[in-house]
N, C-alpha and C. Protein backbone atom coordinates (compact mmCIF):
# COMPACT_ATOMS: atom_id res chain seq x y z
N LEU A 1 -18.78 -17.97 -14.53
CA LEU A 1 -17.58 -18.64 -15.01
C LEU A 1 -16.75 -17.71 -15.89
N ILE A 2 -17.44 -16.91 -16.72
CA ILE A 2 -16.73 -15.97 -17.58
C ILE A 2 -15.97 -14.95 -16.74
N GLN A 3 -16.64 -14.45 -15.66
CA GLN A 3 -15.99 -13.48 -14.78
C GLN A 3 -14.77 -14.09 -14.11
N MET A 4 -14.90 -15.37 -13.67
CA MET A 4 -13.78 -16.04 -13.02
C MET A 4 -12.62 -16.21 -13.98
N ALA A 5 -12.93 -16.57 -15.23
CA ALA A 5 -11.87 -16.74 -16.23
C ALA A 5 -11.18 -15.42 -16.50
N THR A 6 -11.97 -14.32 -16.55
CA THR A 6 -11.40 -13.00 -16.77
C THR A 6 -10.47 -12.62 -15.64
N THR A 7 -10.89 -12.93 -14.41
CA THR A 7 -10.06 -12.61 -13.25
C THR A 7 -8.74 -13.36 -13.29
N VAL A 8 -8.80 -14.66 -13.61
CA VAL A 8 -7.57 -15.45 -13.68
C VAL A 8 -6.64 -14.90 -14.74
N ASN A 9 -7.21 -14.43 -15.86
CA ASN A 9 -6.38 -13.90 -16.93
C ASN A 9 -5.63 -12.65 -16.51
N THR A 10 -6.15 -11.91 -15.53
CA THR A 10 -5.48 -10.70 -15.09
C THR A 10 -4.20 -11.00 -14.35
N MET A 11 -3.92 -12.27 -14.05
CA MET A 11 -2.68 -12.62 -13.36
C MET A 11 -1.47 -12.33 -14.22
N ASN A 12 -1.62 -12.37 -15.55
CA ASN A 12 -0.48 -12.16 -16.43
C ASN A 12 0.04 -10.74 -16.28
N GLY A 13 1.34 -10.60 -15.99
CA GLY A 13 1.94 -9.29 -15.86
C GLY A 13 1.59 -8.58 -14.58
N GLN A 14 0.97 -9.25 -13.61
CA GLN A 14 0.57 -8.62 -12.36
C GLN A 14 1.30 -9.25 -11.19
N GLY A 15 2.47 -9.80 -11.42
CA GLY A 15 3.26 -10.36 -10.34
C GLY A 15 2.71 -11.67 -9.81
N GLY A 16 1.93 -12.40 -10.63
CA GLY A 16 1.42 -13.70 -10.21
C GLY A 16 0.28 -13.63 -9.22
N VAL A 17 -0.38 -12.49 -9.12
CA VAL A 17 -1.53 -12.38 -8.22
C VAL A 17 -2.81 -12.27 -9.04
N THR A 18 -3.92 -12.62 -8.40
CA THR A 18 -5.23 -12.48 -9.03
C THR A 18 -5.79 -11.12 -8.67
N VAL A 19 -6.03 -10.29 -9.67
CA VAL A 19 -6.57 -8.95 -9.45
C VAL A 19 -8.09 -9.05 -9.37
N LEU A 20 -8.64 -8.70 -8.21
CA LEU A 20 -10.07 -8.90 -7.97
C LEU A 20 -10.93 -7.72 -8.39
N ASN A 21 -10.33 -6.55 -8.56
CA ASN A 21 -11.08 -5.39 -9.07
C ASN A 21 -10.10 -4.44 -9.72
N THR A 22 -10.56 -3.69 -10.71
CA THR A 22 -9.66 -2.84 -11.48
C THR A 22 -9.96 -1.36 -11.34
N LYS A 23 -11.08 -1.01 -10.70
CA LYS A 23 -11.47 0.39 -10.58
C LYS A 23 -11.94 0.68 -9.16
N GLU A 24 -11.98 1.97 -8.83
CA GLU A 24 -12.54 2.38 -7.55
C GLU A 24 -14.01 1.95 -7.47
N LYS A 25 -14.42 1.51 -6.30
CA LYS A 25 -15.80 1.13 -5.98
C LYS A 25 -16.23 -0.17 -6.65
N ASP A 26 -15.37 -0.77 -7.49
CA ASP A 26 -15.75 -2.01 -8.16
C ASP A 26 -16.00 -3.14 -7.16
N ASP A 27 -17.06 -3.92 -7.39
CA ASP A 27 -17.23 -5.15 -6.62
C ASP A 27 -16.14 -6.14 -7.01
N LEU A 28 -15.78 -7.01 -6.10
CA LEU A 28 -14.78 -8.02 -6.41
C LEU A 28 -15.32 -9.01 -7.41
N GLN A 29 -14.49 -9.39 -8.38
CA GLN A 29 -14.91 -10.36 -9.37
C GLN A 29 -14.98 -11.76 -8.78
N GLN A 30 -14.24 -11.98 -7.70
CA GLN A 30 -14.34 -13.21 -6.92
C GLN A 30 -14.47 -12.81 -5.45
N PRO A 31 -15.48 -13.28 -4.74
CA PRO A 31 -15.57 -12.94 -3.31
C PRO A 31 -14.44 -13.58 -2.53
N LEU A 32 -14.09 -12.98 -1.44
CA LEU A 32 -13.09 -13.59 -0.56
C LEU A 32 -13.68 -14.85 0.06
N PRO A 33 -12.86 -15.87 0.31
CA PRO A 33 -13.38 -17.14 0.82
C PRO A 33 -14.18 -16.98 2.10
N MET A 34 -15.32 -17.65 2.16
CA MET A 34 -16.18 -17.56 3.34
C MET A 34 -15.53 -18.18 4.57
N GLU A 35 -14.56 -19.08 4.36
CA GLU A 35 -13.90 -19.68 5.52
C GLU A 35 -12.93 -18.71 6.20
N TRP A 36 -12.66 -17.56 5.57
CA TRP A 36 -11.89 -16.52 6.24
C TRP A 36 -12.84 -15.78 7.18
N THR A 37 -12.70 -16.00 8.46
CA THR A 37 -13.64 -15.43 9.42
C THR A 37 -12.98 -14.61 10.52
N LYS A 38 -11.64 -14.53 10.51
CA LYS A 38 -10.93 -13.79 11.55
C LYS A 38 -9.63 -13.25 10.97
N PRO A 39 -9.06 -12.23 11.61
CA PRO A 39 -7.85 -11.61 11.05
C PRO A 39 -6.72 -12.59 10.77
N GLU A 40 -6.57 -13.61 11.61
CA GLU A 40 -5.49 -14.57 11.43
C GLU A 40 -5.59 -15.31 10.09
N ASP A 41 -6.81 -15.41 9.57
CA ASP A 41 -7.00 -16.13 8.31
C ASP A 41 -6.43 -15.37 7.11
N LEU A 42 -6.11 -14.10 7.30
CA LEU A 42 -5.59 -13.30 6.20
C LEU A 42 -4.10 -13.53 5.95
N GLY A 43 -3.42 -14.22 6.89
CA GLY A 43 -1.99 -14.42 6.75
C GLY A 43 -1.25 -13.10 6.81
N GLU A 44 -0.15 -12.99 6.06
CA GLU A 44 0.57 -11.72 6.01
C GLU A 44 0.04 -10.89 4.84
N VAL A 45 -0.56 -9.78 5.16
CA VAL A 45 -1.12 -8.88 4.16
C VAL A 45 -0.04 -7.90 3.71
N THR A 46 0.01 -7.63 2.42
CA THR A 46 0.94 -6.62 1.89
C THR A 46 0.15 -5.38 1.51
N LEU A 47 0.58 -4.24 2.03
CA LEU A 47 -0.05 -2.96 1.73
C LEU A 47 0.92 -2.08 0.96
N TYR A 48 0.57 -1.76 -0.28
CA TYR A 48 1.33 -0.79 -1.07
C TYR A 48 0.80 0.58 -0.69
N ASN A 49 1.67 1.46 -0.24
CA ASN A 49 1.30 2.51 0.67
C ASN A 49 1.96 3.84 0.34
N GLY A 50 1.30 4.92 0.73
CA GLY A 50 1.89 6.24 0.74
C GLY A 50 1.84 6.77 2.16
N LYS A 51 2.95 7.28 2.67
CA LYS A 51 3.02 7.64 4.09
C LYS A 51 2.01 8.69 4.49
N VAL A 52 1.74 9.66 3.60
CA VAL A 52 0.82 10.74 3.96
C VAL A 52 -0.50 10.64 3.20
N SER A 53 -0.74 9.52 2.57
CA SER A 53 -2.00 9.30 1.86
C SER A 53 -3.11 8.98 2.86
N PRO A 54 -4.19 9.76 2.92
CA PRO A 54 -5.27 9.46 3.87
C PRO A 54 -5.85 8.06 3.74
N PRO A 55 -6.13 7.54 2.53
CA PRO A 55 -6.65 6.17 2.46
C PRO A 55 -5.66 5.12 2.99
N CYS A 56 -4.36 5.36 2.77
CA CYS A 56 -3.36 4.43 3.30
C CYS A 56 -3.29 4.52 4.81
N CYS A 57 -3.35 5.75 5.35
CA CYS A 57 -3.37 5.92 6.80
C CYS A 57 -4.57 5.21 7.41
N LYS A 58 -5.70 5.29 6.72
CA LYS A 58 -6.92 4.62 7.20
C LYS A 58 -6.70 3.12 7.28
N LEU A 59 -6.14 2.52 6.24
CA LEU A 59 -5.94 1.07 6.25
C LEU A 59 -4.89 0.66 7.27
N ARG A 60 -3.83 1.43 7.42
CA ARG A 60 -2.82 1.09 8.44
C ARG A 60 -3.46 1.10 9.82
N THR A 61 -4.32 2.09 10.08
CA THR A 61 -4.98 2.19 11.38
C THR A 61 -5.91 1.01 11.62
N ILE A 62 -6.69 0.65 10.60
CA ILE A 62 -7.62 -0.49 10.73
C ILE A 62 -6.84 -1.77 10.95
N PHE A 63 -5.78 -1.99 10.19
CA PHE A 63 -5.00 -3.22 10.34
C PHE A 63 -4.38 -3.31 11.73
N LYS A 64 -3.87 -2.20 12.24
CA LYS A 64 -3.28 -2.21 13.58
C LYS A 64 -4.36 -2.46 14.64
N TRP A 65 -5.52 -1.84 14.48
CA TRP A 65 -6.60 -2.00 15.47
C TRP A 65 -7.04 -3.45 15.57
N TYR A 66 -7.18 -4.10 14.41
CA TYR A 66 -7.65 -5.49 14.39
C TYR A 66 -6.51 -6.50 14.44
N LYS A 67 -5.29 -6.00 14.67
CA LYS A 67 -4.11 -6.86 14.82
C LYS A 67 -3.88 -7.75 13.61
N VAL A 68 -4.03 -7.16 12.43
CA VAL A 68 -3.73 -7.85 11.19
C VAL A 68 -2.22 -7.90 11.01
N ASN A 69 -1.70 -9.05 10.60
CA ASN A 69 -0.29 -9.18 10.30
C ASN A 69 -0.05 -8.62 8.90
N PHE A 70 0.59 -7.46 8.83
CA PHE A 70 0.78 -6.85 7.51
C PHE A 70 2.15 -6.21 7.40
N LYS A 71 2.61 -6.14 6.16
CA LYS A 71 3.85 -5.42 5.87
C LYS A 71 3.54 -4.29 4.90
N VAL A 72 4.32 -3.23 5.00
CA VAL A 72 4.10 -2.05 4.19
C VAL A 72 5.22 -1.91 3.16
N ILE A 73 4.84 -1.67 1.92
CA ILE A 73 5.79 -1.34 0.87
C ILE A 73 5.42 0.04 0.36
N ASP A 74 6.31 1.00 0.54
CA ASP A 74 6.01 2.36 0.13
C ASP A 74 6.05 2.48 -1.39
N GLY A 75 5.02 3.13 -1.93
CA GLY A 75 4.94 3.33 -3.37
C GLY A 75 3.89 2.46 -4.02
N LYS A 76 3.66 2.73 -5.30
CA LYS A 76 2.67 1.97 -6.06
C LYS A 76 3.18 0.55 -6.34
N LYS A 77 2.26 -0.36 -6.53
CA LYS A 77 2.64 -1.73 -6.87
C LYS A 77 3.24 -1.70 -8.28
N PRO A 78 4.52 -2.03 -8.42
CA PRO A 78 5.22 -1.77 -9.68
C PRO A 78 4.72 -2.54 -10.87
N ASP A 79 4.18 -3.75 -10.67
CA ASP A 79 3.75 -4.56 -11.79
C ASP A 79 2.23 -4.53 -11.99
N SER A 80 1.57 -3.53 -11.41
CA SER A 80 0.12 -3.48 -11.44
C SER A 80 -0.38 -2.49 -12.49
N GLU A 81 -1.45 -2.85 -13.17
CA GLU A 81 -2.09 -1.92 -14.10
C GLU A 81 -2.85 -0.82 -13.36
N TYR A 82 -3.20 -1.10 -12.12
CA TYR A 82 -3.85 -0.09 -11.27
C TYR A 82 -2.75 0.81 -10.72
N LYS A 83 -2.81 2.09 -11.01
CA LYS A 83 -1.69 2.99 -10.75
C LYS A 83 -1.89 3.88 -9.53
N LYS A 84 -2.85 3.54 -8.68
CA LYS A 84 -3.08 4.33 -7.48
C LYS A 84 -2.68 3.53 -6.24
N ILE A 85 -2.72 4.20 -5.11
CA ILE A 85 -2.55 3.55 -3.82
C ILE A 85 -3.75 3.93 -2.95
N PRO A 86 -4.09 3.07 -2.01
CA PRO A 86 -3.44 1.82 -1.63
C PRO A 86 -3.85 0.64 -2.51
N VAL A 87 -2.97 -0.36 -2.51
CA VAL A 87 -3.25 -1.68 -3.07
C VAL A 87 -2.93 -2.69 -1.98
N VAL A 88 -3.81 -3.66 -1.81
CA VAL A 88 -3.63 -4.68 -0.79
C VAL A 88 -3.56 -6.05 -1.46
N VAL A 89 -2.60 -6.88 -1.04
CA VAL A 89 -2.49 -8.25 -1.55
C VAL A 89 -2.65 -9.21 -0.38
N ILE A 90 -3.62 -10.12 -0.51
CA ILE A 90 -3.93 -11.09 0.54
C ILE A 90 -3.95 -12.48 -0.08
N HIS A 91 -3.04 -13.33 0.33
CA HIS A 91 -2.98 -14.70 -0.20
C HIS A 91 -3.05 -14.71 -1.73
N GLY A 92 -2.25 -13.86 -2.37
CA GLY A 92 -2.20 -13.84 -3.82
C GLY A 92 -3.37 -13.17 -4.49
N ARG A 93 -4.22 -12.49 -3.73
CA ARG A 93 -5.37 -11.76 -4.29
C ARG A 93 -5.14 -10.27 -4.11
N GLN A 94 -5.24 -9.52 -5.20
CA GLN A 94 -5.01 -8.07 -5.16
C GLN A 94 -6.34 -7.34 -5.11
N ILE A 95 -6.47 -6.45 -4.11
CA ILE A 95 -7.66 -5.61 -3.98
C ILE A 95 -7.21 -4.16 -4.07
N ASN A 96 -7.82 -3.41 -4.97
CA ASN A 96 -7.49 -2.01 -5.18
C ASN A 96 -8.57 -1.11 -4.57
N ASP A 97 -8.13 0.02 -4.00
CA ASP A 97 -9.03 1.05 -3.47
C ASP A 97 -9.43 0.75 -2.02
N SER A 98 -9.18 1.70 -1.14
CA SER A 98 -9.42 1.48 0.29
C SER A 98 -10.89 1.24 0.61
N PHE A 99 -11.80 1.86 -0.14
CA PHE A 99 -13.23 1.64 0.08
C PHE A 99 -13.58 0.18 -0.15
N VAL A 100 -13.07 -0.39 -1.22
CA VAL A 100 -13.34 -1.79 -1.55
C VAL A 100 -12.69 -2.71 -0.51
N VAL A 101 -11.50 -2.35 -0.06
CA VAL A 101 -10.82 -3.16 0.96
C VAL A 101 -11.65 -3.21 2.23
N VAL A 102 -12.06 -2.04 2.73
CA VAL A 102 -12.84 -1.99 3.97
C VAL A 102 -14.17 -2.73 3.81
N LYS A 103 -14.82 -2.51 2.71
CA LYS A 103 -16.12 -3.15 2.47
C LYS A 103 -16.01 -4.67 2.53
N ASN A 104 -14.95 -5.23 1.97
CA ASN A 104 -14.83 -6.68 1.87
C ASN A 104 -14.14 -7.33 3.07
N LEU A 105 -13.39 -6.55 3.84
CA LEU A 105 -12.74 -7.12 5.02
C LEU A 105 -13.57 -6.97 6.29
N ALA A 106 -14.63 -6.18 6.25
CA ALA A 106 -15.44 -5.94 7.46
C ALA A 106 -15.92 -7.25 8.07
N ARG A 107 -16.41 -8.14 7.23
CA ARG A 107 -16.92 -9.43 7.73
C ARG A 107 -15.83 -10.22 8.44
N ILE A 108 -14.62 -10.17 7.91
CA ILE A 108 -13.52 -10.96 8.45
C ILE A 108 -12.96 -10.31 9.72
N LEU A 109 -12.83 -9.00 9.70
CA LEU A 109 -12.21 -8.31 10.83
C LEU A 109 -13.18 -8.08 11.98
N ASP A 110 -14.44 -7.84 11.65
CA ASP A 110 -15.39 -7.42 12.68
C ASP A 110 -16.56 -8.36 12.86
N GLY A 111 -16.63 -9.41 12.03
CA GLY A 111 -17.66 -10.42 12.21
C GLY A 111 -18.98 -10.14 11.54
N ALA A 112 -19.08 -9.02 10.82
CA ALA A 112 -20.35 -8.69 10.15
C ALA A 112 -20.08 -7.76 8.98
N GLU A 113 -20.91 -7.87 7.95
CA GLU A 113 -20.83 -6.95 6.82
C GLU A 113 -21.18 -5.54 7.28
N LEU A 114 -20.66 -4.54 6.57
CA LEU A 114 -21.07 -3.17 6.87
C LEU A 114 -22.56 -3.00 6.57
N THR A 115 -23.26 -2.32 7.46
CA THR A 115 -24.66 -2.00 7.19
C THR A 115 -24.74 -0.97 6.06
N LYS A 116 -25.93 -0.78 5.54
CA LYS A 116 -26.13 0.22 4.48
C LYS A 116 -25.70 1.59 4.96
N GLU A 117 -26.00 1.91 6.23
CA GLU A 117 -25.65 3.22 6.78
C GLU A 117 -24.13 3.36 6.93
N LEU A 118 -23.47 2.31 7.43
CA LEU A 118 -22.02 2.38 7.59
C LEU A 118 -21.30 2.41 6.24
N LEU A 119 -21.87 1.72 5.27
CA LEU A 119 -21.28 1.73 3.93
C LEU A 119 -21.34 3.14 3.34
N ALA A 120 -22.44 3.83 3.58
CA ALA A 120 -22.58 5.20 3.09
C ALA A 120 -21.57 6.12 3.78
N ILE A 121 -21.36 5.92 5.09
CA ILE A 121 -20.37 6.71 5.81
C ILE A 121 -18.97 6.43 5.27
N GLU A 122 -18.66 5.17 5.03
CA GLU A 122 -17.34 4.80 4.50
C GLU A 122 -17.13 5.41 3.11
N GLU A 123 -18.17 5.40 2.29
CA GLU A 123 -18.05 5.99 0.95
C GLU A 123 -17.82 7.50 1.04
N MET A 124 -18.55 8.17 1.93
CA MET A 124 -18.37 9.61 2.11
C MET A 124 -16.97 9.91 2.63
N THR A 125 -16.47 9.07 3.53
CA THR A 125 -15.13 9.26 4.07
C THR A 125 -14.07 9.13 2.98
N THR A 126 -14.20 8.09 2.16
CA THR A 126 -13.18 7.79 1.15
C THR A 126 -13.20 8.78 -0.01
N PHE A 127 -14.39 9.05 -0.52
CA PHE A 127 -14.49 9.86 -1.75
C PHE A 127 -14.95 11.29 -1.50
N GLY A 128 -15.08 11.64 -0.21
CA GLY A 128 -15.45 13.00 0.15
C GLY A 128 -14.43 13.60 1.10
N LEU A 129 -14.50 13.20 2.37
CA LEU A 129 -13.65 13.80 3.39
C LEU A 129 -12.16 13.68 3.06
N MET A 130 -11.72 12.49 2.68
CA MET A 130 -10.29 12.30 2.46
C MET A 130 -9.79 13.15 1.29
N LEU A 131 -10.58 13.28 0.25
CA LEU A 131 -10.19 14.13 -0.86
C LEU A 131 -10.19 15.60 -0.43
N ALA A 132 -11.16 15.98 0.41
CA ALA A 132 -11.19 17.35 0.92
C ALA A 132 -9.95 17.66 1.75
N LEU A 133 -9.51 16.68 2.55
CA LEU A 133 -8.29 16.86 3.33
C LEU A 133 -7.06 17.01 2.42
N GLU A 134 -6.99 16.18 1.39
CA GLU A 134 -5.87 16.26 0.46
C GLU A 134 -5.86 17.62 -0.24
N ILE A 135 -7.04 18.09 -0.64
CA ILE A 135 -7.14 19.39 -1.32
C ILE A 135 -6.72 20.51 -0.38
N ALA A 136 -7.15 20.42 0.88
CA ALA A 136 -6.79 21.46 1.86
C ALA A 136 -5.28 21.53 2.04
N VAL A 137 -4.62 20.38 2.11
CA VAL A 137 -3.16 20.36 2.27
C VAL A 137 -2.48 20.83 0.98
N ALA A 138 -2.97 20.34 -0.16
CA ALA A 138 -2.34 20.70 -1.43
C ALA A 138 -2.55 22.16 -1.80
N SER A 139 -3.46 22.84 -1.12
CA SER A 139 -3.71 24.26 -1.38
C SER A 139 -2.83 25.17 -0.52
N SER A 140 -2.04 24.57 0.37
CA SER A 140 -1.26 25.37 1.33
C SER A 140 0.21 24.96 1.28
N TRP A 141 1.06 25.90 0.91
CA TRP A 141 2.50 25.61 0.88
C TRP A 141 3.03 25.25 2.26
N PRO A 142 2.66 25.98 3.33
CA PRO A 142 3.15 25.57 4.66
C PRO A 142 2.76 24.14 5.04
N GLU A 143 1.53 23.74 4.68
CA GLU A 143 1.11 22.37 5.00
C GLU A 143 1.89 21.35 4.18
N LEU A 144 2.17 21.68 2.92
CA LEU A 144 2.98 20.79 2.09
C LEU A 144 4.39 20.63 2.68
N CYS A 145 4.94 21.72 3.18
CA CYS A 145 6.27 21.65 3.78
C CYS A 145 6.28 20.78 5.03
N LYS A 146 5.17 20.79 5.77
CA LYS A 146 5.07 19.93 6.95
C LYS A 146 5.06 18.45 6.55
N CYS A 147 4.47 18.16 5.39
CA CYS A 147 4.40 16.77 4.92
C CYS A 147 5.73 16.28 4.38
N ALA A 148 6.55 17.21 3.88
CA ALA A 148 7.77 16.84 3.18
C ALA A 148 8.67 15.89 3.97
N PRO A 149 8.98 16.17 5.25
CA PRO A 149 9.87 15.25 5.99
C PRO A 149 9.27 13.85 6.16
N LEU A 150 7.94 13.77 6.22
CA LEU A 150 7.29 12.47 6.37
C LEU A 150 7.43 11.64 5.10
N VAL A 151 7.39 12.32 3.96
CA VAL A 151 7.50 11.62 2.68
C VAL A 151 8.94 11.17 2.45
N GLY A 152 9.87 12.08 2.70
CA GLY A 152 11.28 11.76 2.55
C GLY A 152 11.72 11.64 1.09
N GLY A 153 13.00 11.42 0.90
CA GLY A 153 13.55 11.19 -0.44
C GLY A 153 13.38 12.38 -1.36
N GLY A 154 13.33 12.06 -2.66
CA GLY A 154 13.18 13.11 -3.66
C GLY A 154 11.86 13.84 -3.56
N ALA A 155 10.81 13.13 -3.14
CA ALA A 155 9.50 13.77 -3.00
C ALA A 155 9.53 14.87 -1.96
N CYS A 156 10.38 14.71 -0.95
CA CYS A 156 10.54 15.75 0.07
C CYS A 156 11.03 17.04 -0.57
N CYS A 157 12.02 16.94 -1.44
CA CYS A 157 12.55 18.12 -2.12
C CYS A 157 11.52 18.75 -3.04
N VAL A 158 10.75 17.90 -3.74
CA VAL A 158 9.73 18.41 -4.66
C VAL A 158 8.67 19.20 -3.90
N LEU A 159 8.20 18.65 -2.79
CA LEU A 159 7.17 19.33 -2.01
C LEU A 159 7.67 20.67 -1.48
N THR A 160 8.94 20.71 -1.09
CA THR A 160 9.50 21.94 -0.51
C THR A 160 9.78 22.99 -1.58
N VAL A 161 10.42 22.56 -2.66
CA VAL A 161 10.86 23.51 -3.68
C VAL A 161 9.71 23.93 -4.60
N CYS A 162 8.84 22.97 -4.92
CA CYS A 162 7.77 23.24 -5.91
C CYS A 162 6.41 23.43 -5.24
N GLY A 163 6.42 23.76 -3.96
CA GLY A 163 5.17 23.88 -3.23
C GLY A 163 4.19 24.86 -3.84
N CYS A 164 4.69 26.01 -4.28
CA CYS A 164 3.81 27.03 -4.86
C CYS A 164 3.12 26.51 -6.12
N LEU A 165 3.87 25.81 -6.96
CA LEU A 165 3.29 25.24 -8.18
C LEU A 165 2.25 24.19 -7.84
N ILE A 166 2.55 23.36 -6.84
CA ILE A 166 1.61 22.30 -6.45
C ILE A 166 0.30 22.89 -5.97
N THR A 167 0.36 24.01 -5.25
CA THR A 167 -0.88 24.61 -4.76
C THR A 167 -1.78 25.08 -5.90
N CYS A 168 -1.20 25.30 -7.06
CA CYS A 168 -1.99 25.74 -8.23
C CYS A 168 -2.58 24.56 -9.00
N VAL A 169 -1.77 23.52 -9.20
CA VAL A 169 -2.21 22.41 -10.06
C VAL A 169 -2.72 21.21 -9.27
N GLY A 170 -2.33 21.12 -8.00
CA GLY A 170 -2.69 19.94 -7.21
C GLY A 170 -4.17 19.78 -6.93
N PRO A 171 -4.83 20.78 -6.35
CA PRO A 171 -6.25 20.61 -5.98
C PRO A 171 -7.16 20.17 -7.13
N PRO A 172 -7.07 20.77 -8.33
CA PRO A 172 -7.96 20.28 -9.41
C PRO A 172 -7.68 18.83 -9.80
N ARG A 173 -6.41 18.42 -9.76
CA ARG A 173 -6.07 17.04 -10.10
C ARG A 173 -6.62 16.08 -9.05
N ILE A 174 -6.56 16.47 -7.79
CA ILE A 174 -7.09 15.62 -6.73
C ILE A 174 -8.60 15.51 -6.84
N ARG A 175 -9.24 16.62 -7.10
CA ARG A 175 -10.71 16.64 -7.17
C ARG A 175 -11.22 15.75 -8.28
N GLY A 176 -10.59 15.83 -9.44
CA GLY A 176 -11.00 15.01 -10.57
C GLY A 176 -12.48 15.17 -10.87
N SER A 177 -13.17 14.05 -10.98
CA SER A 177 -14.60 14.07 -11.29
C SER A 177 -15.47 13.94 -10.04
N HIS A 178 -14.83 13.91 -8.86
CA HIS A 178 -15.58 13.73 -7.62
C HIS A 178 -16.23 15.04 -7.17
N ASP A 179 -17.39 14.92 -6.59
CA ASP A 179 -18.10 16.07 -6.03
C ASP A 179 -17.61 16.28 -4.60
N VAL A 180 -16.53 17.02 -4.45
CA VAL A 180 -15.90 17.20 -3.14
C VAL A 180 -16.35 18.53 -2.55
N ARG A 181 -16.85 18.47 -1.32
CA ARG A 181 -17.28 19.68 -0.61
C ARG A 181 -16.17 20.15 0.32
N ASP A 182 -16.41 21.28 1.01
CA ASP A 182 -15.40 21.75 1.96
C ASP A 182 -15.49 20.95 3.26
N LEU A 183 -14.48 21.12 4.12
CA LEU A 183 -14.39 20.32 5.34
C LEU A 183 -15.57 20.58 6.27
N ALA A 184 -16.08 21.80 6.29
CA ALA A 184 -17.22 22.12 7.16
C ALA A 184 -18.45 21.29 6.79
N HIS A 185 -18.62 21.02 5.50
CA HIS A 185 -19.75 20.20 5.06
C HIS A 185 -19.68 18.81 5.67
N TYR A 186 -18.49 18.21 5.67
CA TYR A 186 -18.35 16.84 6.19
C TYR A 186 -18.48 16.82 7.71
N GLN A 187 -18.01 17.87 8.37
CA GLN A 187 -18.20 17.97 9.81
C GLN A 187 -19.68 17.94 10.16
N GLN A 188 -20.45 18.69 9.41
CA GLN A 188 -21.90 18.73 9.65
C GLN A 188 -22.55 17.39 9.30
N ALA A 189 -22.10 16.78 8.21
CA ALA A 189 -22.69 15.51 7.77
C ALA A 189 -22.43 14.40 8.79
N TYR A 190 -21.22 14.35 9.34
CA TYR A 190 -20.90 13.33 10.34
C TYR A 190 -21.69 13.56 11.62
N ALA A 191 -21.80 14.82 12.03
CA ALA A 191 -22.55 15.12 13.25
C ALA A 191 -24.01 14.71 13.09
N GLN A 192 -24.57 14.97 11.93
CA GLN A 192 -25.95 14.59 11.68
C GLN A 192 -26.11 13.08 11.65
N ALA A 193 -25.16 12.38 11.04
CA ALA A 193 -25.25 10.93 10.95
C ALA A 193 -25.09 10.27 12.33
N LEU A 194 -24.27 10.86 13.19
CA LEU A 194 -24.10 10.32 14.53
C LEU A 194 -25.37 10.45 15.35
N GLY A 195 -26.07 11.55 15.18
CA GLY A 195 -27.35 11.72 15.86
C GLY A 195 -27.25 11.63 17.38
N GLY A 196 -26.19 12.16 17.95
CA GLY A 196 -26.05 12.13 19.40
C GLY A 196 -25.27 10.95 19.93
N LYS A 197 -24.97 9.96 19.09
CA LYS A 197 -24.17 8.81 19.53
C LYS A 197 -22.70 9.22 19.60
N SER A 198 -21.93 8.45 20.37
CA SER A 198 -20.50 8.72 20.46
C SER A 198 -19.70 8.12 19.30
N TYR A 199 -20.19 6.99 18.76
CA TYR A 199 -19.47 6.28 17.71
C TYR A 199 -20.46 5.80 16.65
N PHE A 200 -19.96 5.64 15.45
CA PHE A 200 -20.75 5.04 14.39
C PHE A 200 -20.91 3.55 14.61
N HIS A 201 -19.90 2.93 15.24
CA HIS A 201 -19.91 1.48 15.40
C HIS A 201 -19.08 1.12 16.61
N GLY A 202 -19.55 0.22 17.43
CA GLY A 202 -18.80 -0.23 18.59
C GLY A 202 -18.91 0.74 19.75
N GLU A 203 -18.08 0.48 20.74
CA GLU A 203 -18.14 1.27 21.98
C GLU A 203 -16.88 2.07 22.23
N ALA A 204 -15.84 1.83 21.47
CA ALA A 204 -14.59 2.56 21.71
C ALA A 204 -13.72 2.55 20.45
């Protein structure tokens, strides 16, 4: 009850939504309703998004694959205390962090919770591979210039003009406190986890 009261209190100043988690990897303070059992039950989902953000690209791909009705708003959620992207809002419930979104929507979109093995793969993808990809791009001025037209607006000019500076300060900021390996490490880890299978889950 205390957790539920805390969650309701987070509605103040958050655009009238209930914030279900405040940090990366956090469990939801309120589980999503068990009667939500298929994509249609999610209604219109709002995704606060970055066009070239790997976690946002992941969620857009998942939503399209499972035919989720969603709209995209580019940029951070303006009234949110959580200052990263992606942020997802479903029926007035805000979920932060793509790992938490995938973990909690698996049952609704695919009919079953993620297994322990799939959860580990999803965690490695979100907090390992995707950060390694961001670091690889942020370390290369030519790659940053390729991203610039996709971002558009003022950010396009920043990426183009300040690319050299970004290559110096960007990678350490992206890495943060995460133990991020190089891309070859993740290639090997995925190959080992697949163990000769074509897919981690499903047939196609």
